[in-house]
Amino acid sequence: MPVKKNRKKTKRRVFGTAARPRLCVSRSLRGISAQLIDDEQSLTLVGASTLSREYRDAYGNKGSNCEASRNLGKLLAGKAAAMGIETVVFDRRNYSYHGRVKALAEGAREGGLKF
């Protein structure tokens, strides 16, 4: 119950538009994924995951979880740049800004996203 409450509270504060979409992070035990979402139209503009074929072709299965998250951030930033997206709103949901979530954010910043 408290997790749903926290997500609703975060969703009220963090809102993505077409000009500045929301970068939503999801973690699991096997991987991490991120999406750029336009909340006005309820559209996912760009998405990437460490479990996707595109990621595995680019980076393989080498390195630690934090290294994989950083590479995923760079990949997502490259896809966003191809669509003309430069600034985003970071939505870490109820995850603490530590470890894999922090590495993804730093990788996205290295790739050229601003938030």
PDB file of N, CA and C in Angstrom:
ATOM      1  N   MET A   1       0.803  -1.214   0.000  1.00  0.00           N
ATOM      2  CA  MET A   1       0.000   0.000   0.000  1.00  0.00           C
ATOM      3  C   MET A   1       0.841   1.271   0.000  1.00  0.00           C
ATOM      4  N   PRO A   2       1.893   1.396   0.845  1.00  0.00           N
ATOM      5  CA  PRO A   2       2.670   2.632   0.848  1.00  0.00           C
ATOM      6  C   PRO A   2       3.381   2.894  -0.485  1.00  0.00           C
ATOM      7  N   VAL A   3       3.760   1.838  -1.218  1.00  0.00           N
ATOM      8  CA  VAL A   3       4.459   2.030  -2.482  1.00  0.00           C
ATOM      9  C   VAL A   3       3.544   2.729  -3.485  1.00  0.00           C
ATOM     10  N   LYS A   4       2.294   2.308  -3.577  1.00  0.00           N
ATOM     11  CA  LYS A   4       1.341   2.939  -4.489  1.00  0.00           C
ATOM     12  C   LYS A   4       1.127   4.402  -4.117  1.00  0.00           C
ATOM     13  N   LYS A   5       1.077   4.678  -2.819  1.00  0.00           N
ATOM     14  CA  LYS A   5       0.884   6.036  -2.332  1.00  0.00           C
ATOM     15  C   LYS A   5       2.066   6.922  -2.743  1.00  0.00           C
ATOM     16  N   ASN A   6       3.293   6.386  -2.599  1.00  0.00           N
ATOM     17  CA  ASN A   6       4.489   7.135  -2.981  1.00  0.00           C
ATOM     18  C   ASN A   6       4.516   7.399  -4.478  1.00  0.00           C
ATOM     19  N   ARG A   7       4.102   6.421  -5.284  1.00  0.00           N
ATOM     20  CA  ARG A   7       4.096   6.598  -6.735  1.00  0.00           C
ATOM     21  C   ARG A   7       3.111   7.684  -7.147  1.00  0.00           C
ATOM     22  N   LYS A   8       1.951   7.706  -6.514  1.00  0.00           N
ATOM     23  CA  LYS A   8       0.962   8.744  -6.829  1.00  0.00           C
ATOM     24  C   LYS A   8       1.491  10.125  -6.468  1.00  0.00           C
ATOM     25  N   LYS A   9       2.157  10.216  -5.317  1.00  0.00           N
ATOM     26  CA  LYS A   9       2.700  11.496  -4.875  1.00  0.00           C
ATOM     27  C   LYS A   9       3.780  11.982  -5.848  1.00  0.00           C
ATOM     28  N   THR A  10       4.631  11.062  -6.292  1.00  0.00           N
ATOM     29  CA  THR A  10       5.676  11.406  -7.254  1.00  0.00           C
ATOM     30  C   THR A  10       5.070  11.810  -8.579  1.00  0.00           C
ATOM     31  N   LYS A  11       4.046  11.110  -9.008  1.00  0.00           N
ATOM     32  CA  LYS A  11       3.405  11.392 -10.300  1.00  0.00           C
ATOM     33  C   LYS A  11       2.776  12.782 -10.316  1.00  0.00           C
ATOM     34  N   ARG A  12       2.279  13.246  -9.176  1.00  0.00           N
ATOM     35  CA  ARG A  12       1.720  14.593  -9.093  1.00  0.00           C
ATOM     36  C   ARG A  12       2.790  15.665  -9.281  1.00  0.00           C
ATOM     37  N   ARG A  13       3.987  15.408  -8.763  1.00  0.00           N
ATOM     38  CA  ARG A  13       5.059  16.398  -8.823  1.00  0.00           C
ATOM     39  C   ARG A  13       5.829  16.342 -10.136  1.00  0.00           C
ATOM     40  N   VAL A  14       6.040  15.142 -10.671  1.00  0.00           N
ATOM     41  CA  VAL A  14       6.859  14.957 -11.864  1.00  0.00           C
ATOM     42  C   VAL A  14       5.932  14.694 -13.036  1.00  0.00           C
ATOM     43  N   PHE A  15       5.933  15.618 -14.023  1.00  0.00           N
ATOM     44  CA  PHE A  15       5.024  15.507 -15.160  1.00  0.00           C
ATOM     45  C   PHE A  15       5.808  15.782 -16.430  1.00  0.00           C
ATOM     46  N   GLY A  16       5.671  14.915 -17.425  1.00  0.00           N
ATOM     47  CA  GLY A  16       6.401  15.057 -18.672  1.00  0.00           C
ATOM     48  C   GLY A  16       5.546  15.646 -19.774  1.00  0.00           C
ATOM     49  N   THR A  17       6.149  16.469 -20.608  1.00  0.00           N
ATOM     50  CA  THR A  17       5.478  17.042 -21.766  1.00  0.00           C
ATOM     51  C   THR A  17       6.228  16.609 -23.020  1.00  0.00           C
ATOM     52  N   ALA A  18       5.732  17.014 -24.186  1.00  0.00           N
ATOM     53  CA  ALA A  18       6.414  16.663 -25.433  1.00  0.00           C
ATOM     54  C   ALA A  18       7.772  17.358 -25.516  1.00  0.00           C
ATOM     55  N   ALA A  19       7.857  18.590 -25.022  1.00  0.00           N
ATOM     56  CA  ALA A  19       9.115  19.330 -25.062  1.00  0.00           C
ATOM     57  C   ALA A  19      10.098  18.831 -24.011  1.00  0.00           C
ATOM     58  N   ARG A  20       9.576  18.389 -22.869  1.00  0.00           N
ATOM     59  CA  ARG A  20      10.415  17.916 -21.768  1.00  0.00           C
ATOM     60  C   ARG A  20       9.792  16.649 -21.173  1.00  0.00           C
ATOM     61  N   PRO A  21      10.060  15.476 -21.798  1.00  0.00           N
ATOM     62  CA  PRO A  21       9.430  14.237 -21.328  1.00  0.00           C
ATOM     63  C   PRO A  21       9.987  13.748 -19.993  1.00  0.00           C
ATOM     64  N   ARG A  22       9.273  12.819 -19.414  1.00  0.00           N
ATOM     65  CA  ARG A  22       9.647  12.237 -18.125  1.00  0.00           C
ATOM     66  C   ARG A  22      10.517  11.007 -18.360  1.00  0.00           C
ATOM     67  N   LEU A  23      11.686  10.963 -17.743  1.00  0.00           N
ATOM     68  CA  LEU A  23      12.572   9.805 -17.810  1.00  0.00           C
ATOM     69  C   LEU A  23      12.244   8.901 -16.639  1.00  0.00           C
ATOM     70  N   CYS A  24      11.500   7.833 -16.905  1.00  0.00           N
ATOM     71  CA  CYS A  24      11.024   6.916 -15.866  1.00  0.00           C
ATOM     72  C   CYS A  24      11.935   5.695 -15.805  1.00  0.00           C
ATOM     73  N   VAL A  25      12.398   5.347 -14.608  1.00  0.00           N
ATOM     74  CA  VAL A  25      13.318   4.235 -14.397  1.00  0.00           C
ATOM     75  C   VAL A  25      12.577   3.089 -13.723  1.00  0.00           C
ATOM     76  N   SER A  26      12.838   1.867 -14.200  1.00  0.00           N
ATOM     77  CA  SER A  26      12.286   0.656 -13.585  1.00  0.00           C
ATOM     78  C   SER A  26      13.422  -0.327 -13.367  1.00  0.00           C
ATOM     79  N   ARG A  27      13.478  -0.896 -12.176  1.00  0.00           N
ATOM     80  CA  ARG A  27      14.515  -1.875 -11.847  1.00  0.00           C
ATOM     81  C   ARG A  27      13.889  -3.232 -11.628  1.00  0.00           C
ATOM     82  N   SER A  28      14.666  -4.266 -11.903  1.00  0.00           N
ATOM     83  CA  SER A  28      14.301  -5.619 -11.515  1.00  0.00           C
ATOM     84  C   SER A  28      15.578  -6.318 -11.074  1.00  0.00           C
ATOM     85  N   LEU A  29      15.470  -7.548 -10.668  1.00  0.00           N
ATOM     86  CA  LEU A  29      16.667  -8.266 -10.251  1.00  0.00           C
ATOM     87  C   LEU A  29      17.552  -8.603 -11.446  1.00  0.00           C
ATOM     88  N   ARG A  30      16.971  -8.754 -12.634  1.00  0.00           N
ATOM     89  CA  ARG A  30      17.729  -9.137 -13.826  1.00  0.00           C
ATOM     90  C   ARG A  30      18.255  -7.949 -14.611  1.00  0.00           C
ATOM     91  N   GLY A  31      17.605  -6.806 -14.564  1.00  0.00           N
ATOM     92  CA  GLY A  31      18.043  -5.691 -15.390  1.00  0.00           C
ATOM     93  C   GLY A  31      17.409  -4.388 -14.966  1.00  0.00           C
ATOM     94  N   ILE A  32      17.605  -3.383 -15.794  1.00  0.00           N
ATOM     95  CA  ILE A  32      17.038  -2.064 -15.547  1.00  0.00           C
ATOM     96  C   ILE A  32      16.536  -1.533 -16.879  1.00  0.00           C
ATOM     97  N   SER A  33      15.457  -0.781 -16.830  1.00  0.00           N
ATOM     98  CA  SER A  33      14.916  -0.205 -18.058  1.00  0.00           C
ATOM     99  C   SER A  33      14.529   1.240 -17.796  1.00  0.00           C
ATOM    100  N   ALA A  34      14.460   2.004 -18.886  1.00  0.00           N
ATOM    101  CA  ALA A  34      14.104   3.409 -18.786  1.00  0.00           C
ATOM    102  C   ALA A  34      13.280   3.794 -20.002  1.00  0.00           C
ATOM    103  N   GLN A  35      12.370   4.743 -19.799  1.00  0.00           N
ATOM    104  CA  GLN A  35      11.505   5.218 -20.871  1.00  0.00           C
ATOM    105  C   GLN A  35      11.396   6.727 -20.796  1.00  0.00           C
ATOM    106  N   LEU A  36      11.243   7.354 -21.950  1.00  0.00           N
ATOM    107  CA  LEU A  36      10.905   8.769 -22.012  1.00  0.00           C
ATOM    108  C   LEU A  36       9.429   8.846 -22.346  1.00  0.00           C
ATOM    109  N   ILE A  37       8.645   9.465 -21.454  1.00  0.00           N
ATOM    110  CA  ILE A  37       7.186   9.444 -21.554  1.00  0.00           C
ATOM    111  C   ILE A  37       6.639  10.856 -21.657  1.00  0.00           C
ATOM    112  N   ASP A  38       5.721  11.054 -22.601  1.00  0.00           N
ATOM    113  CA  ASP A  38       4.963  12.295 -22.728  1.00  0.00           C
ATOM    114  C   ASP A  38       3.636  12.063 -22.016  1.00  0.00           C
ATOM    115  N   ASP A  39       3.461  12.657 -20.836  1.00  0.00           N
ATOM    116  CA  ASP A  39       2.266  12.421 -20.027  1.00  0.00           C
ATOM    117  C   ASP A  39       1.036  13.150 -20.563  1.00  0.00           C
ATOM    118  N   GLU A  40       1.218  14.198 -21.331  1.00  0.00           N
ATOM    119  CA  GLU A  40       0.065  14.915 -21.887  1.00  0.00           C
ATOM    120  C   GLU A  40      -0.704  14.035 -22.865  1.00  0.00           C
ATOM    121  N   GLN A  41       0.018  13.277 -23.693  1.00  0.00           N
ATOM    122  CA  GLN A  41      -0.621  12.423 -24.689  1.00  0.00           C
ATOM    123  C   GLN A  41      -0.578  10.953 -24.302  1.00  0.00           C
ATOM    124  N   SER A  42       0.010  10.633 -23.154  1.00  0.00           N
ATOM    125  CA  SER A  42       0.169   9.251 -22.679  1.00  0.00           C
ATOM    126  C   SER A  42       0.903   8.396 -23.707  1.00  0.00           C
ATOM    127  N   LEU A  43       2.052   8.888 -24.160  1.00  0.00           N
ATOM    128  CA  LEU A  43       2.865   8.198 -25.153  1.00  0.00           C
ATOM    129  C   LEU A  43       4.257   7.908 -24.615  1.00  0.00           C
ATOM    130  N   THR A  44       4.777   6.733 -24.951  1.00  0.00           N
ATOM    131  CA  THR A  44       6.176   6.433 -24.695  1.00  0.00           C
ATOM    132  C   THR A  44       6.952   6.820 -25.932  1.00  0.00           C
ATOM    133  N   LEU A  45       7.848   7.788 -25.801  1.00  0.00           N
ATOM    134  CA  LEU A  45       8.600   8.287 -26.949  1.00  0.00           C
ATOM    135  C   LEU A  45       9.802   7.408 -27.260  1.00  0.00           C
ATOM    136  N   VAL A  46      10.555   7.042 -26.234  1.00  0.00           N
ATOM    137  CA  VAL A  46      11.763   6.233 -26.387  1.00  0.00           C
ATOM    138  C   VAL A  46      11.847   5.285 -25.205  1.00  0.00           C
ATOM    139  N   GLY A  47      12.316   4.088 -25.447  1.00  0.00           N
ATOM    140  CA  GLY A  47      12.503   3.130 -24.370  1.00  0.00           C
ATOM    141  C   GLY A  47      13.756   2.309 -24.589  1.00  0.00           C
ATOM    142  N   ALA A  48      14.366   1.847 -23.504  1.00  0.00           N
ATOM    143  CA  ALA A  48      15.559   1.012 -23.591  1.00  0.00           C
ATOM    144  C   ALA A  48      15.634   0.133 -22.348  1.00  0.00           C
ATOM    145  N   SER A  49      16.242  -1.034 -22.505  1.00  0.00           N
ATOM    146  CA  SER A  49      16.381  -1.966 -21.402  1.00  0.00           C
ATOM    147  C   SER A  49      17.693  -2.723 -21.548  1.00  0.00           C
ATOM    148  N   THR A  50      18.259  -3.148 -20.428  1.00  0.00           N
ATOM    149  CA  THR A  50      19.478  -3.946 -20.491  1.00  0.00           C
ATOM    150  C   THR A  50      19.178  -5.355 -20.990  1.00  0.00           C
ATOM    151  N   LEU A  51      17.937  -5.747 -21.027  1.00  0.00           N
ATOM    152  CA  LEU A  51      17.553  -7.074 -21.506  1.00  0.00           C
ATOM    153  C   LEU A  51      17.223  -7.084 -22.994  1.00  0.00           C
ATOM    154  N   SER A  52      17.220  -5.917 -23.646  1.00  0.00           N
ATOM    155  CA  SER A  52      16.834  -5.846 -25.050  1.00  0.00           C
ATOM    156  C   SER A  52      17.978  -6.310 -25.960  1.00  0.00           C
ATOM    157  N   ARG A  53      17.615  -6.735 -27.138  1.00  0.00           N
ATOM    158  CA  ARG A  53      18.592  -7.181 -28.115  1.00  0.00           C
ATOM    159  C   ARG A  53      19.488  -6.018 -28.564  1.00  0.00           C
ATOM    160  N   GLU A  54      18.894  -4.852 -28.703  1.00  0.00           N
ATOM    161  CA  GLU A  54      19.653  -3.669 -29.130  1.00  0.00           C
ATOM    162  C   GLU A  54      20.789  -3.364 -28.152  1.00  0.00           C
ATOM    163  N   TYR A  55      20.507  -3.441 -26.860  1.00  0.00           N
ATOM    164  CA  TYR A  55      21.527  -3.180 -25.849  1.00  0.00           C
ATOM    165  C   TYR A  55      22.608  -4.255 -25.897  1.00  0.00           C
ATOM    166  N   ARG A  56      22.204  -5.524 -25.985  1.00  0.00           N
ATOM    167  CA  ARG A  56      23.175  -6.617 -25.998  1.00  0.00           C
ATOM    168  C   ARG A  56      24.072  -6.565 -27.233  1.00  0.00           C
ATOM    169  N   ASP A  57      23.517  -6.133 -28.379  1.00  0.00           N
ATOM    170  CA  ASP A  57      24.341  -6.001 -29.581  1.00  0.00           C
ATOM    171  C   ASP A  57      25.367  -4.884 -29.426  1.00  0.00           C
ATOM    172  N   ALA A  58      24.993  -3.813 -28.754  1.00  0.00           N
ATOM    173  CA  ALA A  58      25.891  -2.667 -28.592  1.00  0.00           C
ATOM    174  C   ALA A  58      26.951  -2.902 -27.519  1.00  0.00           C
ATOM    175  N   TYR A  59      26.556  -3.482 -26.383  1.00  0.00           N
ATOM    176  CA  TYR A  59      27.472  -3.575 -25.243  1.00  0.00           C
ATOM    177  C   TYR A  59      27.779  -4.996 -24.785  1.00  0.00           C
ATOM    178  N   GLY A  60      27.033  -5.976 -25.211  1.00  0.00           N
ATOM    179  CA  GLY A  60      27.264  -7.341 -24.761  1.00  0.00           C
ATOM    180  C   GLY A  60      26.803  -7.535 -23.326  1.00  0.00           C
ATOM    181  N   ASN A  61      27.262  -8.604 -22.703  1.00  0.00           N
ATOM    182  CA  ASN A  61      26.893  -8.901 -21.316  1.00  0.00           C
ATOM    183  C   ASN A  61      28.079  -8.737 -20.387  1.00  0.00           C
ATOM    184  N   LYS A  62      28.917  -7.756 -20.664  1.00  0.00           N
ATOM    185  CA  LYS A  62      30.120  -7.548 -19.862  1.00  0.00           C
ATOM    186  C   LYS A  62      29.880  -6.484 -18.804  1.00  0.00           C
ATOM    187  N   GLY A  63      30.627  -6.581 -17.708  1.00  0.00           N
ATOM    188  CA  GLY A  63      30.619  -5.524 -16.705  1.00  0.00           C
ATOM    189  C   GLY A  63      29.626  -5.760 -15.582  1.00  0.00           C
ATOM    190  N   SER A  64      29.653  -4.836 -14.639  1.00  0.00           N
ATOM    191  CA  SER A  64      28.792  -4.918 -13.461  1.00  0.00           C
ATOM    192  C   SER A  64      27.423  -4.311 -13.758  1.00  0.00           C
ATOM    193  N   ASN A  65      26.541  -4.393 -12.799  1.00  0.00           N
ATOM    194  CA  ASN A  65      25.210  -3.817 -12.949  1.00  0.00           C
ATOM    195  C   ASN A  65      25.272  -2.304 -13.101  1.00  0.00           C
ATOM    196  N   CYS A  66      26.127  -1.647 -12.341  1.00  0.00           N
ATOM    197  CA  CYS A  66      26.241  -0.188 -12.431  1.00  0.00           C
ATOM    198  C   CYS A  66      26.825   0.223 -13.780  1.00  0.00           C
ATOM    199  N   GLU A  67      27.772  -0.531 -14.277  1.00  0.00           N
ATOM    200  CA  GLU A  67      28.348  -0.238 -15.586  1.00  0.00           C
ATOM    201  C   GLU A  67      27.294  -0.424 -16.678  1.00  0.00           C
ATOM    202  N   ALA A  68      26.483  -1.468 -16.562  1.00  0.00           N
ATOM    203  CA  ALA A  68      25.409  -1.706 -17.529  1.00  0.00           C
ATOM    204  C   ALA A  68      24.384  -0.576 -17.479  1.00  0.00           C
ATOM    205  N   SER A  69      24.087  -0.085 -16.293  1.00  0.00           N
ATOM    206  CA  SER A  69      23.134   1.014 -16.147  1.00  0.00           C
ATOM    207  C   SER A  69      23.671   2.291 -16.775  1.00  0.00           C
ATOM    208  N   ARG A  70      24.949   2.556 -16.594  1.00  0.00           N
ATOM    209  CA  ARG A  70      25.571   3.738 -17.183  1.00  0.00           C
ATOM    210  C   ARG A  70      25.519   3.646 -18.712  1.00  0.00           C
ATOM    211  N   ASN A  71      25.830   2.464 -19.257  1.00  0.00           N
ATOM    212  CA  ASN A  71      25.768   2.269 -20.706  1.00  0.00           C
ATOM    213  C   ASN A  71      24.343   2.423 -21.226  1.00  0.00           C
ATOM    214  N   LEU A  72      23.376   1.960 -20.455  1.00  0.00           N
ATOM    215  CA  LEU A  72      21.972   2.097 -20.853  1.00  0.00           C
ATOM    216  C   LEU A  72      21.578   3.571 -20.900  1.00  0.00           C
ATOM    217  N   GLY A  73      22.056   4.362 -19.956  1.00  0.00           N
ATOM    218  CA  GLY A  73      21.786   5.792 -19.964  1.00  0.00           C
ATOM    219  C   GLY A  73      22.346   6.464 -21.207  1.00  0.00           C
ATOM    220  N   LYS A  74      23.551   6.069 -21.603  1.00  0.00           N
ATOM    221  CA  LYS A  74      24.153   6.617 -22.818  1.00  0.00           C
ATOM    222  C   LYS A  74      23.344   6.214 -24.049  1.00  0.00           C
ATOM    223  N   LEU A  75      22.910   4.954 -24.095  1.00  0.00           N
ATOM    224  CA  LEU A  75      22.112   4.469 -25.224  1.00  0.00           C
ATOM    225  C   LEU A  75      20.793   5.226 -25.320  1.00  0.00           C
ATOM    226  N   LEU A  76      20.143   5.422 -24.196  1.00  0.00           N
ATOM    227  CA  LEU A  76      18.870   6.140 -24.171  1.00  0.00           C
ATOM    228  C   LEU A  76      19.060   7.602 -24.582  1.00  0.00           C
ATOM    229  N   ALA A  77      20.148   8.216 -24.145  1.00  0.00           N
ATOM    230  CA  ALA A  77      20.426   9.602 -24.520  1.00  0.00           C
ATOM    231  C   ALA A  77      20.662   9.724 -26.019  1.00  0.00           C
ATOM    232  N   GLY A  78      21.332   8.740 -26.596  1.00  0.00           N
ATOM    233  CA  GLY A  78      21.550   8.745 -28.038  1.00  0.00           C
ATOM    234  C   GLY A  78      20.250   8.618 -28.815  1.00  0.00           C
ATOM    235  N   LYS A  79      19.350   7.752 -28.341  1.00  0.00           N
ATOM    236  CA  LYS A  79      18.047   7.602 -28.996  1.00  0.00           C
ATOM    237  C   LYS A  79      17.220   8.879 -28.860  1.00  0.00           C
ATOM    238  N   ALA A  80      17.322   9.522 -27.700  1.00  0.00           N
ATOM    239  CA  ALA A  80      16.583  10.770 -27.481  1.00  0.00           C
ATOM    240  C   ALA A  80      17.129  11.884 -28.368  1.00  0.00           C
ATOM    241  N   ALA A  81      18.440  11.943 -28.511  1.00  0.00           N
ATOM    242  CA  ALA A  81      19.043  12.968 -29.362  1.00  0.00           C
ATOM    243  C   ALA A  81      18.614  12.787 -30.813  1.00  0.00           C
ATOM    244  N   ALA A  82      18.448  11.551 -31.243  1.00  0.00           N
ATOM    245  CA  ALA A  82      17.987  11.284 -32.607  1.00  0.00           C
ATOM    246  C   ALA A  82      16.564  11.794 -32.825  1.00  0.00           C
ATOM    247  N   MET A  83      15.778  11.855 -31.746  1.00  0.00           N
ATOM    248  CA  MET A  83      14.411  12.370 -31.826  1.00  0.00           C
ATOM    249  C   MET A  83      14.345  13.872 -31.554  1.00  0.00           C
ATOM    250  N   GLY A  84      15.481  14.486 -31.210  1.00  0.00           N
ATOM    251  CA  GLY A  84      15.514  15.919 -30.944  1.00  0.00           C
ATOM    252  C   GLY A  84      15.166  16.291 -29.515  1.00  0.00           C
ATOM    253  N   ILE A  85      15.295  15.364 -28.592  1.00  0.00           N
ATOM    254  CA  ILE A  85      14.993  15.618 -27.177  1.00  0.00           C
ATOM    255  C   ILE A  85      16.300  15.905 -26.446  1.00  0.00           C
ATOM    256  N   GLU A  86      16.360  17.053 -25.761  1.00  0.00           N
ATOM    257  CA  GLU A  86      17.574  17.435 -25.048  1.00  0.00           C
ATOM    258  C   GLU A  86      17.381  17.508 -23.538  1.00  0.00           C
ATOM    259  N   THR A  87      16.186  17.927 -23.081  1.00  0.00           N
ATOM    260  CA  THR A  87      15.938  18.062 -21.646  1.00  0.00           C
ATOM    261  C   THR A  87      14.820  17.117 -21.222  1.00  0.00           C
ATOM    262  N   VAL A  88      14.950  16.570 -20.027  1.00  0.00           N
ATOM    263  CA  VAL A  88      13.959  15.636 -19.487  1.00  0.00           C
ATOM    264  C   VAL A  88      13.715  15.943 -18.010  1.00  0.00           C
ATOM    265  N   VAL A  89      12.670  15.343 -17.475  1.00  0.00           N
ATOM    266  CA  VAL A  89      12.374  15.379 -16.047  1.00  0.00           C
ATOM    267  C   VAL A  89      12.673  13.988 -15.518  1.00  0.00           C
ATOM    268  N   PHE A  90      13.502  13.865 -14.500  1.00  0.00           N
ATOM    269  CA  PHE A  90      13.926  12.554 -13.990  1.00  0.00           C
ATOM    270  C   PHE A  90      12.922  12.031 -12.970  1.00  0.00           C
ATOM    271  N   ASP A  91      12.393  10.849 -13.234  1.00  0.00           N
ATOM    272  CA  ASP A  91      11.445  10.191 -12.335  1.00  0.00           C
ATOM    273  C   ASP A  91      12.067   8.881 -11.873  1.00  0.00           C
ATOM    274  N   ARG A  92      12.578   8.866 -10.659  1.00  0.00           N
ATOM    275  CA  ARG A  92      13.216   7.662 -10.132  1.00  0.00           C
ATOM    276  C   ARG A  92      12.219   6.776  -9.400  1.00  0.00           C
ATOM    277  N   ARG A  93      10.935   7.167  -9.427  1.00  0.00           N
ATOM    278  CA  ARG A  93       9.861   6.477  -8.713  1.00  0.00           C
ATOM    279  C   ARG A  93      10.202   6.421  -7.235  1.00  0.00           C
ATOM    280  N   ASN A  94      10.054   5.280  -6.596  1.00  0.00           N
ATOM    281  CA  ASN A  94      10.342   5.216  -5.167  1.00  0.00           C
ATOM    282  C   ASN A  94      11.733   4.633  -4.903  1.00  0.00           C
ATOM    283  N   TYR A  95      12.571   4.565  -5.942  1.00  0.00           N
ATOM    284  CA  TYR A  95      13.936   4.068  -5.767  1.00  0.00           C
ATOM    285  C   TYR A  95      14.824   5.188  -5.242  1.00  0.00           C
ATOM    286  N   SER A  96      15.746   4.846  -4.369  1.00  0.00           N
ATOM    287  CA  SER A  96      16.670   5.863  -3.877  1.00  0.00           C
ATOM    288  C   SER A  96      17.703   6.174  -4.959  1.00  0.00           C
ATOM    289  N   TYR A  97      18.192   7.395  -4.949  1.00  0.00           N
ATOM    290  CA  TYR A  97      19.170   7.844  -5.943  1.00  0.00           C
ATOM    291  C   TYR A  97      20.526   7.304  -5.529  1.00  0.00           C
ATOM    292  N   HIS A  98      20.747   6.025  -5.841  1.00  0.00           N
ATOM    293  CA  HIS A  98      21.940   5.332  -5.399  1.00  0.00           C
ATOM    294  C   HIS A  98      22.143   4.124  -6.296  1.00  0.00           C
ATOM    295  N   GLY A  99      23.363   3.723  -6.517  1.00  0.00           N
ATOM    296  CA  GLY A  99      23.650   2.500  -7.255  1.00  0.00           C
ATOM    297  C   GLY A  99      23.267   2.571  -8.722  1.00  0.00           C
ATOM    298  N   ARG A 100      22.430   1.625  -9.161  1.00  0.00           N
ATOM    299  CA  ARG A 100      22.079   1.513 -10.575  1.00  0.00           C
ATOM    300  C   ARG A 100      21.287   2.707 -11.079  1.00  0.00           C
ATOM    301  N   VAL A 101      20.413   3.260 -10.251  1.00  0.00           N
ATOM    302  CA  VAL A 101      19.611   4.418 -10.662  1.00  0.00           C
ATOM    303  C   VAL A 101      20.519   5.632 -10.870  1.00  0.00           C
ATOM    304  N   LYS A 102      21.452   5.833  -9.974  1.00  0.00           N
ATOM    305  CA  LYS A 102      22.397   6.944 -10.086  1.00  0.00           C
ATOM    306  C   LYS A 102      23.293   6.755 -11.313  1.00  0.00           C
ATOM    307  N   ALA A 103      23.737   5.529 -11.559  1.00  0.00           N
ATOM    308  CA  ALA A 103      24.590   5.252 -12.712  1.00  0.00           C
ATOM    309  C   ALA A 103      23.847   5.509 -14.018  1.00  0.00           C
ATOM    310  N   LEU A 104      22.573   5.151 -14.085  1.00  0.00           N
ATOM    311  CA  LEU A 104      21.775   5.419 -15.286  1.00  0.00           C
ATOM    312  C   LEU A 104      21.652   6.921 -15.511  1.00  0.00           C
ATOM    313  N   ALA A 105      21.391   7.667 -14.457  1.00  0.00           N
ATOM    314  CA  ALA A 105      21.255   9.123 -14.576  1.00  0.00           C
ATOM    315  C   ALA A 105      22.563   9.757 -15.038  1.00  0.00           C
ATOM    316  N   GLU A 106      23.682   9.316 -14.485  1.00  0.00           N
ATOM    317  CA  GLU A 106      24.979   9.860 -14.892  1.00  0.00           C
ATOM    318  C   GLU A 106      25.293   9.509 -16.339  1.00  0.00           C
ATOM    319  N   GLY A 107      24.952   8.291 -16.768  1.00  0.00           N
ATOM    320  CA  GLY A 107      25.162   7.892 -18.151  1.00  0.00           C
ATOM    321  C   GLY A 107      24.327   8.714 -19.113  1.00  0.00           C
ATOM    322  N   ALA A 108      23.092   9.016 -18.714  1.00  0.00           N
ATOM    323  CA  ALA A 108      22.223   9.849 -19.556  1.00  0.00           C
ATOM    324  C   ALA A 108      22.783  11.265 -19.661  1.00  0.00           C
ATOM    325  N   ARG A 109      23.333  11.773 -18.557  1.00  0.00           N
ATOM    326  CA  ARG A 109      23.957  13.103 -18.596  1.00  0.00           C
ATOM    327  C   ARG A 109      25.195  13.112 -19.489  1.00  0.00           C
ATOM    328  N   GLU A 110      25.993  12.043 -19.405  1.00  0.00           N
ATOM    329  CA  GLU A 110      27.175  11.926 -20.267  1.00  0.00           C
ATOM    330  C   GLU A 110      26.766  11.870 -21.738  1.00  0.00           C
ATOM    331  N   GLY A 111      25.620  11.246 -22.011  1.00  0.00           N
ATOM    332  CA  GLY A 111      25.123  11.124 -23.376  1.00  0.00           C
ATOM    333  C   GLY A 111      24.548  12.404 -23.934  1.00  0.00           C
ATOM    334  N   GLY A 112      24.301  13.409 -23.070  1.00  0.00           N
ATOM    335  CA  GLY A 112      23.841  14.708 -23.543  1.00  0.00           C
ATOM    336  C   GLY A 112      22.477  15.146 -23.043  1.00  0.00           C
ATOM    337  N   LEU A 113      21.801  14.341 -22.235  1.00  0.00           N
ATOM    338  CA  LEU A 113      20.507  14.765 -21.692  1.00  0.00           C
ATOM    339  C   LEU A 113      20.732  15.718 -20.526  1.00  0.00           C
ATOM    340  N   LYS A 114      19.820  16.683 -20.397  1.00  0.00           N
ATOM    341  CA  LYS A 114      19.889  17.645 -19.292  1.00  0.00           C
ATOM    342  C   LYS A 114      18.664  17.466 -18.415  1.00  0.00           C
ATOM    343  N   PHE A 115      18.885  17.366 -17.110  1.00  0.00           N
ATOM    344  CA  PHE A 115      17.792  17.334 -16.138  1.00  0.00           C
ATOM    345  C   PHE A 115      18.256  17.767 -14.784  1.00  0.00           C
TER     346      PHE A 115
END
